[in-house]
């Protein structure tokens, strides 16, 4: 059986890191962060979430998105 391919936005943050570690055996994971890291395990794709074309490219081949991206600063809008 093929594993569901899941994109986790914010995969390099605190919650995203833990979730990625816990789900790694059950799903084919792809991470998302502001800065790509194709050498990471799982691969971390980069895309600015306000750039539609970049988001489409990051979503290529993805079955499910887990949206965990946030700004850690309470001063950010």
PDB file of N, CA and C in Angstrom:
ATOM      1  N   UNK A   1       0.840  -1.182   0.000  1.00  0.00           N
ATOM      2  CA  UNK A   1       0.000   0.000   0.000  1.00  0.00           C
ATOM      3  C   UNK A   1       0.888   1.249   0.000  1.00  0.00           C
ATOM      4  N   UNK A   2       0.537   2.214  -0.821  1.00  0.00           N
ATOM      5  CA  UNK A   2       1.289   3.454  -0.910  1.00  0.00           C
ATOM      6  C   UNK A   2       0.923   4.369   0.242  1.00  0.00           C
ATOM      7  N   UNK A   3       1.941   4.957   0.842  1.00  0.00           N
ATOM      8  CA  UNK A   3       1.692   5.897   1.935  1.00  0.00           C
ATOM      9  C   UNK A   3       1.153   7.209   1.381  1.00  0.00           C
ATOM     10  N   UNK A   4       0.229   7.809   2.111  1.00  0.00           N
ATOM     11  CA  UNK A   4      -0.300   9.132   1.768  1.00  0.00           C
ATOM     12  C   UNK A   4       0.834  10.143   1.881  1.00  0.00           C
ATOM     13  N   UNK A   5       0.939  11.033   0.879  1.00  0.00           N
ATOM     14  CA  UNK A   5       1.990  12.058   0.875  1.00  0.00           C
ATOM     15  C   UNK A   5       1.442  13.313   1.541  1.00  0.00           C
ATOM     16  N   UNK A   6       2.071  13.726   2.637  1.00  0.00           N
ATOM     17  CA  UNK A   6       1.597  14.835   3.453  1.00  0.00           C
ATOM     18  C   UNK A   6       2.632  15.956   3.483  1.00  0.00           C
ATOM     19  N   UNK A   7       2.180  17.170   3.185  1.00  0.00           N
ATOM     20  CA  UNK A   7       3.008  18.362   3.296  1.00  0.00           C
ATOM     21  C   UNK A   7       2.712  19.015   4.640  1.00  0.00           C
ATOM     22  N   UNK A   8       3.747  19.239   5.438  1.00  0.00           N
ATOM     23  CA  UNK A   8       3.584  19.897   6.736  1.00  0.00           C
ATOM     24  C   UNK A   8       4.230  21.266   6.650  1.00  0.00           C
ATOM     25  N   UNK A   9       3.396  22.321   6.647  1.00  0.00           N
ATOM     26  CA  UNK A   9       3.948  23.670   6.656  1.00  0.00           C
ATOM     27  C   UNK A   9       4.428  23.963   8.070  1.00  0.00           C
ATOM     28  N   UNK A  10       5.509  24.705   8.179  1.00  0.00           N
ATOM     29  CA  UNK A  10       6.077  24.975   9.502  1.00  0.00           C
ATOM     30  C   UNK A  10       6.769  23.752  10.083  1.00  0.00           C
ATOM     31  N   UNK A  11       7.244  22.877   9.204  1.00  0.00           N
ATOM     32  CA  UNK A  11       7.814  21.603   9.662  1.00  0.00           C
ATOM     33  C   UNK A  11       9.116  21.748  10.440  1.00  0.00           C
ATOM     34  N   UNK A  12       9.759  22.908  10.361  1.00  0.00           N
ATOM     35  CA  UNK A  12      11.013  23.102  11.088  1.00  0.00           C
ATOM     36  C   UNK A  12      10.804  23.815  12.427  1.00  0.00           C
ATOM     37  N   UNK A  13       9.559  24.175  12.730  1.00  0.00           N
ATOM     38  CA  UNK A  13       9.250  24.802  14.020  1.00  0.00           C
ATOM     39  C   UNK A  13       9.084  23.763  15.111  1.00  0.00           C
ATOM     40  N   UNK A  14       8.753  24.212  16.300  1.00  0.00           N
ATOM     41  CA  UNK A  14       8.642  23.321  17.455  1.00  0.00           C
ATOM     42  C   UNK A  14       7.605  22.218  17.277  1.00  0.00           C
ATOM     43  N   UNK A  15       6.362  22.585  16.998  1.00  0.00           N
ATOM     44  CA  UNK A  15       5.283  21.601  16.825  1.00  0.00           C
ATOM     45  C   UNK A  15       5.505  20.796  15.551  1.00  0.00           C
ATOM     46  N   UNK A  16       5.905  21.473  14.470  1.00  0.00           N
ATOM     47  CA  UNK A  16       6.135  20.786  13.208  1.00  0.00           C
ATOM     48  C   UNK A  16       7.222  19.730  13.292  1.00  0.00           C
ATOM     49  N   UNK A  17       8.272  20.023  14.028  1.00  0.00           N
ATOM     50  CA  UNK A  17       9.364  19.060  14.204  1.00  0.00           C
ATOM     51  C   UNK A  17       8.878  17.807  14.931  1.00  0.00           C
ATOM     52  N   UNK A  18       8.124  17.997  16.006  1.00  0.00           N
ATOM     53  CA  UNK A  18       7.607  16.853  16.768  1.00  0.00           C
ATOM     54  C   UNK A  18       6.635  16.036  15.922  1.00  0.00           C
ATOM     55  N   UNK A  19       5.717  16.721  15.223  1.00  0.00           N
ATOM     56  CA  UNK A  19       4.749  16.017  14.392  1.00  0.00           C
ATOM     57  C   UNK A  19       5.450  15.234  13.282  1.00  0.00           C
ATOM     58  N   UNK A  20       6.444  15.838  12.664  1.00  0.00           N
ATOM     59  CA  UNK A  20       7.195  15.168  11.604  1.00  0.00           C
ATOM     60  C   UNK A  20       7.871  13.909  12.137  1.00  0.00           C
ATOM     61  N   UNK A  21       8.471  13.997  13.306  1.00  0.00           N
ATOM     62  CA  UNK A  21       9.128  12.829  13.900  1.00  0.00           C
ATOM     63  C   UNK A  21       8.122  11.718  14.192  1.00  0.00           C
ATOM     64  N   UNK A  22       6.967  12.085  14.699  1.00  0.00           N
ATOM     65  CA  UNK A  22       5.956  11.085  15.097  1.00  0.00           C
ATOM     66  C   UNK A  22       5.253  10.443  13.896  1.00  0.00           C
ATOM     67  N   UNK A  23       5.092  11.177  12.796  1.00  0.00           N
ATOM     68  CA  UNK A  23       4.349  10.657  11.643  1.00  0.00           C
ATOM     69  C   UNK A  23       5.242  10.058  10.561  1.00  0.00           C
ATOM     70  N   UNK A  24       6.540  10.170  10.743  1.00  0.00           N
ATOM     71  CA  UNK A  24       7.499   9.768   9.706  1.00  0.00           C
ATOM     72  C   UNK A  24       7.317   8.330   9.243  1.00  0.00           C
ATOM     73  N   UNK A  25       6.992   7.410  10.127  1.00  0.00           N
ATOM     74  CA  UNK A  25       6.863   5.998   9.755  1.00  0.00           C
ATOM     75  C   UNK A  25       5.553   5.690   9.031  1.00  0.00           C
ATOM     76  N   UNK A  26       4.525   6.501   9.261  1.00  0.00           N
ATOM     77  CA  UNK A  26       3.201   6.196   8.729  1.00  0.00           C
ATOM     78  C   UNK A  26       2.865   6.919   7.431  1.00  0.00           C
ATOM     79  N   UNK A  27       3.576   7.997   7.111  1.00  0.00           N
ATOM     80  CA  UNK A  27       3.260   8.806   5.942  1.00  0.00           C
ATOM     81  C   UNK A  27       4.524   9.150   5.173  1.00  0.00           C
ATOM     82  N   UNK A  28       4.345   9.478   3.910  1.00  0.00           N
ATOM     83  CA  UNK A  28       5.426  10.001   3.080  1.00  0.00           C
ATOM     84  C   UNK A  28       5.392  11.515   3.284  1.00  0.00           C
ATOM     85  N   UNK A  29       6.266  12.018   4.129  1.00  0.00           N
ATOM     86  CA  UNK A  29       6.212  13.417   4.543  1.00  0.00           C
ATOM     87  C   UNK A  29       7.098  14.316   3.691  1.00  0.00           C
ATOM     88  N   UNK A  30       6.593  15.525   3.464  1.00  0.00           N
ATOM     89  CA  UNK A  30       7.346  16.600   2.839  1.00  0.00           C
ATOM     90  C   UNK A  30       7.171  17.796   3.748  1.00  0.00           C
ATOM     91  N   UNK A  31       8.262  18.428   4.112  1.00  0.00           N
ATOM     92  CA  UNK A  31       8.184  19.595   4.970  1.00  0.00           C
ATOM     93  C   UNK A  31       8.117  20.876   4.151  1.00  0.00           C
ATOM     94  N   UNK A  32       7.704  21.933   4.813  1.00  0.00           N
ATOM     95  CA  UNK A  32       7.695  23.259   4.201  1.00  0.00           C
ATOM     96  C   UNK A  32       8.282  24.239   5.201  1.00  0.00           C
ATOM     97  N   UNK A  33       9.107  25.122   4.705  1.00  0.00           N
ATOM     98  CA  UNK A  33       9.675  26.190   5.530  1.00  0.00           C
ATOM     99  C   UNK A  33      10.000  27.365   4.613  1.00  0.00           C
ATOM    100  N   UNK A  34      10.315  28.485   5.207  1.00  0.00           N
ATOM    101  CA  UNK A  34      10.683  29.655   4.386  1.00  0.00           C
ATOM    102  C   UNK A  34      11.913  29.374   3.551  1.00  0.00           C
ATOM    103  N   UNK A  35      12.855  28.628   4.111  1.00  0.00           N
ATOM    104  CA  UNK A  35      14.094  28.289   3.404  1.00  0.00           C
ATOM    105  C   UNK A  35      14.076  26.800   3.071  1.00  0.00           C
ATOM    106  N   UNK A  36      14.203  26.431   1.792  1.00  0.00           N
ATOM    107  CA  UNK A  36      14.195  25.020   1.421  1.00  0.00           C
ATOM    108  C   UNK A  36      15.434  24.288   1.926  1.00  0.00           C
ATOM    109  N   UNK A  37      15.293  23.006   2.168  1.00  0.00           N
ATOM    110  CA  UNK A  37      16.416  22.155   2.544  1.00  0.00           C
ATOM    111  C   UNK A  37      16.199  20.783   1.918  1.00  0.00           C
ATOM    112  N   UNK A  38      16.568  20.632   0.628  1.00  0.00           N
ATOM    113  CA  UNK A  38      16.341  19.371  -0.061  1.00  0.00           C
ATOM    114  C   UNK A  38      17.134  18.208   0.520  1.00  0.00           C
ATOM    115  N   UNK A  39      18.130  18.479   1.355  1.00  0.00           N
ATOM    116  CA  UNK A  39      18.906  17.415   1.973  1.00  0.00           C
ATOM    117  C   UNK A  39      18.327  16.926   3.290  1.00  0.00           C
ATOM    118  N   UNK A  40      17.285  17.584   3.773  1.00  0.00           N
ATOM    119  CA  UNK A  40      16.680  17.208   5.059  1.00  0.00           C
ATOM    120  C   UNK A  40      15.877  15.920   4.902  1.00  0.00           C
ATOM    121  N   UNK A  41      15.610  15.261   6.011  1.00  0.00           N
ATOM    122  CA  UNK A  41      14.770  14.068   6.035  1.00  0.00           C
ATOM    123  C   UNK A  41      13.615  14.309   7.001  1.00  0.00           C
ATOM    124  N   UNK A  42      12.408  14.536   6.521  1.00  0.00           N
ATOM    125  CA  UNK A  42      12.033  14.554   5.115  1.00  0.00           C
ATOM    126  C   UNK A  42      12.481  15.835   4.416  1.00  0.00           C
ATOM    127  N   UNK A  43      12.408  15.813   3.095  1.00  0.00           N
ATOM    128  CA  UNK A  43      12.761  16.979   2.288  1.00  0.00           C
ATOM    129  C   UNK A  43      11.953  18.183   2.751  1.00  0.00           C
ATOM    130  N   UNK A  44      12.589  19.339   2.832  1.00  0.00           N
ATOM    131  CA  UNK A  44      11.889  20.571   3.199  1.00  0.00           C
ATOM    132  C   UNK A  44      11.852  21.467   1.968  1.00  0.00           C
ATOM    133  N   UNK A  45      10.647  21.690   1.467  1.00  0.00           N
ATOM    134  CA  UNK A  45      10.450  22.569   0.320  1.00  0.00           C
ATOM    135  C   UNK A  45      10.268  23.994   0.815  1.00  0.00           C
ATOM    136  N   UNK A  46      10.715  24.931   0.040  1.00  0.00           N
ATOM    137  CA  UNK A  46      10.539  26.331   0.388  1.00  0.00           C
ATOM    138  C   UNK A  46       9.519  26.983  -0.523  1.00  0.00           C
ATOM    139  N   UNK A  47       8.679  27.825   0.037  1.00  0.00           N
ATOM    140  CA  UNK A  47       7.713  28.598  -0.751  1.00  0.00           C
ATOM    141  C   UNK A  47       7.162  29.698   0.129  1.00  0.00           C
ATOM    142  N   UNK A  48       7.063  30.887  -0.442  1.00  0.00           N
ATOM    143  CA  UNK A  48       6.404  31.991   0.252  1.00  0.00           C
ATOM    144  C   UNK A  48       4.907  31.767   0.096  1.00  0.00           C
ATOM    145  N   UNK A  49       4.183  31.650   1.193  1.00  0.00           N
ATOM    146  CA  UNK A  49       2.772  31.303   1.131  1.00  0.00           C
ATOM    147  C   UNK A  49       1.893  32.368   0.493  1.00  0.00           C
ATOM    148  N   UNK A  50       2.436  33.547   0.215  1.00  0.00           N
ATOM    149  CA  UNK A  50       1.675  34.563  -0.512  1.00  0.00           C
ATOM    150  C   UNK A  50       1.976  34.520  -2.009  1.00  0.00           C
ATOM    151  N   UNK A  51       2.864  33.630  -2.430  1.00  0.00           N
ATOM    152  CA  UNK A  51       3.228  33.471  -3.837  1.00  0.00           C
ATOM    153  C   UNK A  51       2.510  32.235  -4.380  1.00  0.00           C
ATOM    154  N   UNK A  52       1.406  32.472  -5.104  1.00  0.00           N
ATOM    155  CA  UNK A  52       0.548  31.388  -5.584  1.00  0.00           C
ATOM    156  C   UNK A  52       1.326  30.343  -6.382  1.00  0.00           C
ATOM    157  N   UNK A  53       2.171  30.771  -7.313  1.00  0.00           N
ATOM    158  CA  UNK A  53       2.925  29.826  -8.140  1.00  0.00           C
ATOM    159  C   UNK A  53       3.894  28.991  -7.316  1.00  0.00           C
ATOM    160  N   UNK A  54       4.519  29.602  -6.322  1.00  0.00           N
ATOM    161  CA  UNK A  54       5.431  28.863  -5.446  1.00  0.00           C
ATOM    162  C   UNK A  54       4.674  27.831  -4.616  1.00  0.00           C
ATOM    163  N   UNK A  55       3.481  28.191  -4.165  1.00  0.00           N
ATOM    164  CA  UNK A  55       2.659  27.252  -3.393  1.00  0.00           C
ATOM    165  C   UNK A  55       2.232  26.083  -4.280  1.00  0.00           C
ATOM    166  N   UNK A  56       1.817  26.360  -5.514  1.00  0.00           N
ATOM    167  CA  UNK A  56       1.456  25.277  -6.436  1.00  0.00           C
ATOM    168  C   UNK A  56       2.613  24.315  -6.644  1.00  0.00           C
ATOM    169  N   UNK A  57       3.819  24.845  -6.810  1.00  0.00           N
ATOM    170  CA  UNK A  57       4.993  23.992  -7.004  1.00  0.00           C
ATOM    171  C   UNK A  57       5.265  23.145  -5.757  1.00  0.00           C
ATOM    172  N   UNK A  58       5.114  23.737  -4.575  1.00  0.00           N
ATOM    173  CA  UNK A  58       5.354  23.007  -3.320  1.00  0.00           C
ATOM    174  C   UNK A  58       4.318  21.905  -3.114  1.00  0.00           C
ATOM    175  N   UNK A  59       3.119  22.090  -3.672  1.00  0.00           N
ATOM    176  CA  UNK A  59       2.030  21.129  -3.493  1.00  0.00           C
ATOM    177  C   UNK A  59       2.062  19.990  -4.508  1.00  0.00           C
ATOM    178  N   UNK A  60       2.993  20.034  -5.443  1.00  0.00           N
ATOM    179  CA  UNK A  60       3.058  19.013  -6.477  1.00  0.00           C
ATOM    180  C   UNK A  60       3.192  17.619  -5.866  1.00  0.00           C
ATOM    181  N   UNK A  61       2.249  16.744  -6.172  1.00  0.00           N
ATOM    182  CA  UNK A  61       2.288  15.367  -5.693  1.00  0.00           C
ATOM    183  C   UNK A  61       1.805  15.174  -4.261  1.00  0.00           C
ATOM    184  N   UNK A  62       1.265  16.206  -3.639  1.00  0.00           N
ATOM    185  CA  UNK A  62       0.830  16.147  -2.238  1.00  0.00           C
ATOM    186  C   UNK A  62      -0.636  15.714  -2.162  1.00  0.00           C
ATOM    187  N   UNK A  63      -0.948  14.806  -1.225  1.00  0.00           N
ATOM    188  CA  UNK A  63      -2.323  14.356  -0.992  1.00  0.00           C
ATOM    189  C   UNK A  63      -3.026  15.178   0.082  1.00  0.00           C
ATOM    190  N   UNK A  64      -2.277  15.554   1.116  1.00  0.00           N
ATOM    191  CA  UNK A  64      -2.852  16.225   2.280  1.00  0.00           C
ATOM    192  C   UNK A  64      -1.897  17.302   2.768  1.00  0.00           C
ATOM    193  N   UNK A  65      -2.450  18.419   3.265  1.00  0.00           N
ATOM    194  CA  UNK A  65      -1.639  19.492   3.835  1.00  0.00           C
ATOM    195  C   UNK A  65      -2.003  19.649   5.311  1.00  0.00           C
ATOM    196  N   UNK A  66      -0.984  19.687   6.143  1.00  0.00           N
ATOM    197  CA  UNK A  66      -1.147  19.970   7.568  1.00  0.00           C
ATOM    198  C   UNK A  66      -0.540  21.351   7.787  1.00  0.00           C
ATOM    199  N   UNK A  67      -1.380  22.334   8.053  1.00  0.00           N
ATOM    200  CA  UNK A  67      -0.964  23.726   8.107  1.00  0.00           C
ATOM    201  C   UNK A  67      -0.576  24.123   9.533  1.00  0.00           C
ATOM    202  N   UNK A  68       0.738  24.185   9.789  1.00  0.00           N
ATOM    203  CA  UNK A  68       1.240  24.543  11.112  1.00  0.00           C
ATOM    204  C   UNK A  68       2.066  25.813  11.087  1.00  0.00           C
ATOM    205  N   UNK A  69       2.223  26.398   9.913  1.00  0.00           N
ATOM    206  CA  UNK A  69       3.041  27.605   9.785  1.00  0.00           C
ATOM    207  C   UNK A  69       2.430  28.752  10.585  1.00  0.00           C
ATOM    208  N   UNK A  70       3.255  29.436  11.344  1.00  0.00           N
ATOM    209  CA  UNK A  70       2.824  30.607  12.094  1.00  0.00           C
ATOM    210  C   UNK A  70       4.045  31.458  12.388  1.00  0.00           C
ATOM    211  N   UNK A  71       3.810  32.627  12.841  1.00  0.00           N
ATOM    212  CA  UNK A  71       4.907  33.500  13.251  1.00  0.00           C
ATOM    213  C   UNK A  71       5.043  33.406  14.767  1.00  0.00           C
ATOM    214  N   UNK A  72       6.245  33.210  15.267  1.00  0.00           N
ATOM    215  CA  UNK A  72       6.420  33.065  16.713  1.00  0.00           C
ATOM    216  C   UNK A  72       6.333  34.365  17.492  1.00  0.00           C
ATOM    217  N   UNK A  73       6.326  35.502  16.798  1.00  0.00           N
ATOM    218  CA  UNK A  73       6.323  36.778  17.491  1.00  0.00           C
ATOM    219  C   UNK A  73       4.901  37.306  17.650  1.00  0.00           C
ATOM    220  N   UNK A  74       4.510  37.676  18.861  1.00  0.00           N
ATOM    221  CA  UNK A  74       3.165  38.242  19.062  1.00  0.00           C
ATOM    222  C   UNK A  74       3.020  39.628  18.428  1.00  0.00           C
ATOM    223  N   UNK A  75       4.125  40.254  18.044  1.00  0.00           N
ATOM    224  CA  UNK A  75       4.069  41.563  17.402  1.00  0.00           C
ATOM    225  C   UNK A  75       3.806  41.492  15.915  1.00  0.00           C
ATOM    226  N   UNK A  76       3.951  40.308  15.310  1.00  0.00           N
ATOM    227  CA  UNK A  76       3.724  40.161  13.867  1.00  0.00           C
ATOM    228  C   UNK A  76       2.235  40.237  13.568  1.00  0.00           C
ATOM    229  N   UNK A  77       1.936  40.745  12.378  1.00  0.00           N
ATOM    230  CA  UNK A  77       0.518  40.825  11.983  1.00  0.00           C
ATOM    231  C   UNK A  77       0.068  39.493  11.400  1.00  0.00           C
TER     232      UNK A  77
END
